[in-house]
Protein backbone atom coordinates (compact mmCIF):
# COMPACT_ATOMS: atom_id res chain seq x y z
CA MET A 1 -19.53 -5.94 -19.01
CA SER A 2 -18.75 -3.25 -16.43
CA ARG A 3 -15.79 -3.76 -14.13
CA VAL A 4 -17.72 -2.03 -11.33
CA ASN A 5 -20.28 -4.85 -11.30
CA ASN A 6 -17.73 -7.57 -11.95
CA PRO A 7 -14.37 -6.47 -10.55
CA SER A 8 -11.31 -8.35 -11.66
CA PRO A 9 -9.72 -10.57 -9.01
CA LEU A 10 -6.57 -9.44 -7.26
CA SER A 11 -3.40 -10.52 -8.96
CA ALA A 12 -0.66 -12.34 -7.09
CA ARG A 13 1.60 -9.36 -7.89
CA GLU A 14 -0.72 -6.90 -6.13
CA VAL A 15 -0.80 -9.02 -2.98
CA TYR A 16 2.95 -9.68 -3.21
CA GLN A 17 3.58 -5.92 -3.27
CA LEU A 18 1.47 -5.51 -0.15
CA LEU A 19 3.40 -8.26 1.67
CA ARG A 20 6.70 -6.82 0.44
CA ASP A 21 5.75 -3.37 1.75
CA VAL A 22 5.07 -4.90 5.18
CA ALA A 23 8.44 -6.67 5.13
CA LEU A 24 10.17 -3.41 4.17
CA GLY A 25 8.34 -1.47 6.88
CA THR A 26 6.43 0.89 4.58
CA ARG A 27 3.10 -0.64 5.61
CA VAL A 28 2.08 -1.87 9.03
CA LEU A 29 0.65 -5.26 9.91
CA ASP A 30 -2.38 -4.60 12.13
CA THR A 31 -1.88 -6.98 15.00
CA SER A 32 -5.10 -6.03 16.77
CA CYS A 33 -7.15 -8.19 14.42
CA SER A 34 -4.67 -11.05 14.11
CA GLN A 35 -6.35 -14.37 14.69
CA CYS A 36 -4.54 -17.66 14.61
CA HIS A 37 -6.18 -21.06 14.34
CA ASP A 38 -5.36 -24.28 12.53
CA GLY A 39 -2.26 -22.75 10.94
CA GLN A 40 -4.11 -19.73 9.56
CA ILE A 41 -3.44 -16.14 10.58
CA ALA A 42 -5.99 -13.45 9.69
CA VAL A 43 -4.42 -9.99 9.43
CA LEU A 44 -5.36 -6.48 8.37
CA ILE A 45 -2.93 -4.29 6.44
CA ASP A 46 -4.14 -0.77 5.58
CA GLY A 47 -7.69 -2.00 4.98
CA TRP A 48 -6.61 -5.17 3.15
CA ARG A 49 -7.78 -8.42 4.81
CA LEU A 50 -5.52 -11.43 4.38
CA THR A 51 -5.50 -15.00 5.59
CA LEU A 52 -1.97 -16.37 5.66
CA CYS A 53 -1.25 -20.06 6.22
CA THR A 54 1.68 -21.35 8.21
CA ASP A 55 3.25 -24.69 8.86
CA GLY A 56 4.43 -24.28 12.42
CA THR A 57 6.53 -21.12 12.26
CA ALA A 58 7.11 -21.10 8.49
CA LEU A 59 4.93 -18.92 6.27
CA GLY A 60 3.45 -21.16 3.59
CA TYR A 61 1.01 -19.30 1.38
CA CYS A 62 -1.73 -16.69 1.21
CA ALA A 63 -5.11 -18.42 1.39
CA GLU A 64 -7.14 -15.33 0.55
CA CYS A 65 -7.01 -11.57 0.29
CA GLN A 66 -9.63 -8.85 0.00
CA ALA A 67 -8.71 -5.32 -1.06
CA PRO A 68 -10.41 -2.24 0.39
CA ASP A 69 -12.19 -1.77 -2.97
CA GLY A 70 -13.88 -5.17 -2.60
CA ARG A 71 -11.77 -7.11 -5.09
CA ALA A 72 -10.67 -10.48 -3.77
CA ALA A 73 -8.74 -13.58 -4.70
CA GLY A 74 -7.38 -16.66 -3.05
CA ALA A 75 -5.13 -19.65 -3.38
CA ASP A 76 -7.44 -21.25 -5.96
CA THR A 77 -7.27 -18.18 -8.21
CA TRP A 78 -3.50 -17.82 -7.98
CA GLN A 79 -2.89 -21.56 -8.35
CA ARG A 80 -4.54 -21.42 -11.76
CA PHE A 81 -1.85 -18.95 -12.79
CA GLY A 82 0.90 -20.91 -11.04
CA THR A 83 2.00 -18.28 -8.53
CA ASP A 84 1.16 -17.56 -4.92
CA PRO A 85 2.05 -14.06 -3.64
CA VAL A 86 4.24 -15.54 -0.88
CA GLN A 87 6.33 -17.36 -3.52
CA LEU A 88 7.23 -14.02 -5.10
CA LEU A 89 8.90 -12.73 -1.91
CA SER A 90 12.68 -12.72 -1.72
CA ARG A 91 14.24 -14.89 0.97
CA TRP A 92 14.87 -11.83 3.16
CA GLU A 93 11.31 -10.49 2.67
CA HIS A 94 9.89 -13.92 3.49
CA GLU A 95 11.96 -14.22 6.67
CA GLN A 96 11.14 -10.67 7.74
CA LEU A 97 7.42 -11.28 7.24
CA GLU A 98 7.66 -14.49 9.29
CA ARG A 99 9.33 -12.52 12.12
CA LEU A 100 6.62 -9.86 12.01
CA LEU A 101 3.86 -12.49 12.07
CA ARG A 102 5.47 -14.32 15.01
CA THR A 103 5.67 -11.02 16.90
CA ALA A 104 2.04 -10.21 16.05
CA VAL A 105 0.78 -13.59 17.20
CA ALA A 106 2.92 -13.57 20.37
CA GLY A 107 1.68 -10.07 21.25
CA ARG A 108 -1.99 -11.05 21.27
């Protein structure tokens, strides 16, 4: 079966690396498309579309992600493998990402 017709889902590691890059400042969180409702924040990062879930101000998990190449995955996919991309972040990366998200939401 061709991978072009049936692309593999995104791994938690791929999405973690994207979130880590944002926390480290090597990628930019596009705040112009940030939407926040019912504890979910939709963001764009270099063509990647993510829906992040929060509990108040705390970042909880990544509900879904779609890569620029069309591959996608979500909480259901990663749960099967026991790891959410947000869980892979260090404490500092997690806190930095929360700060960036708060700033993005407040700036809308």
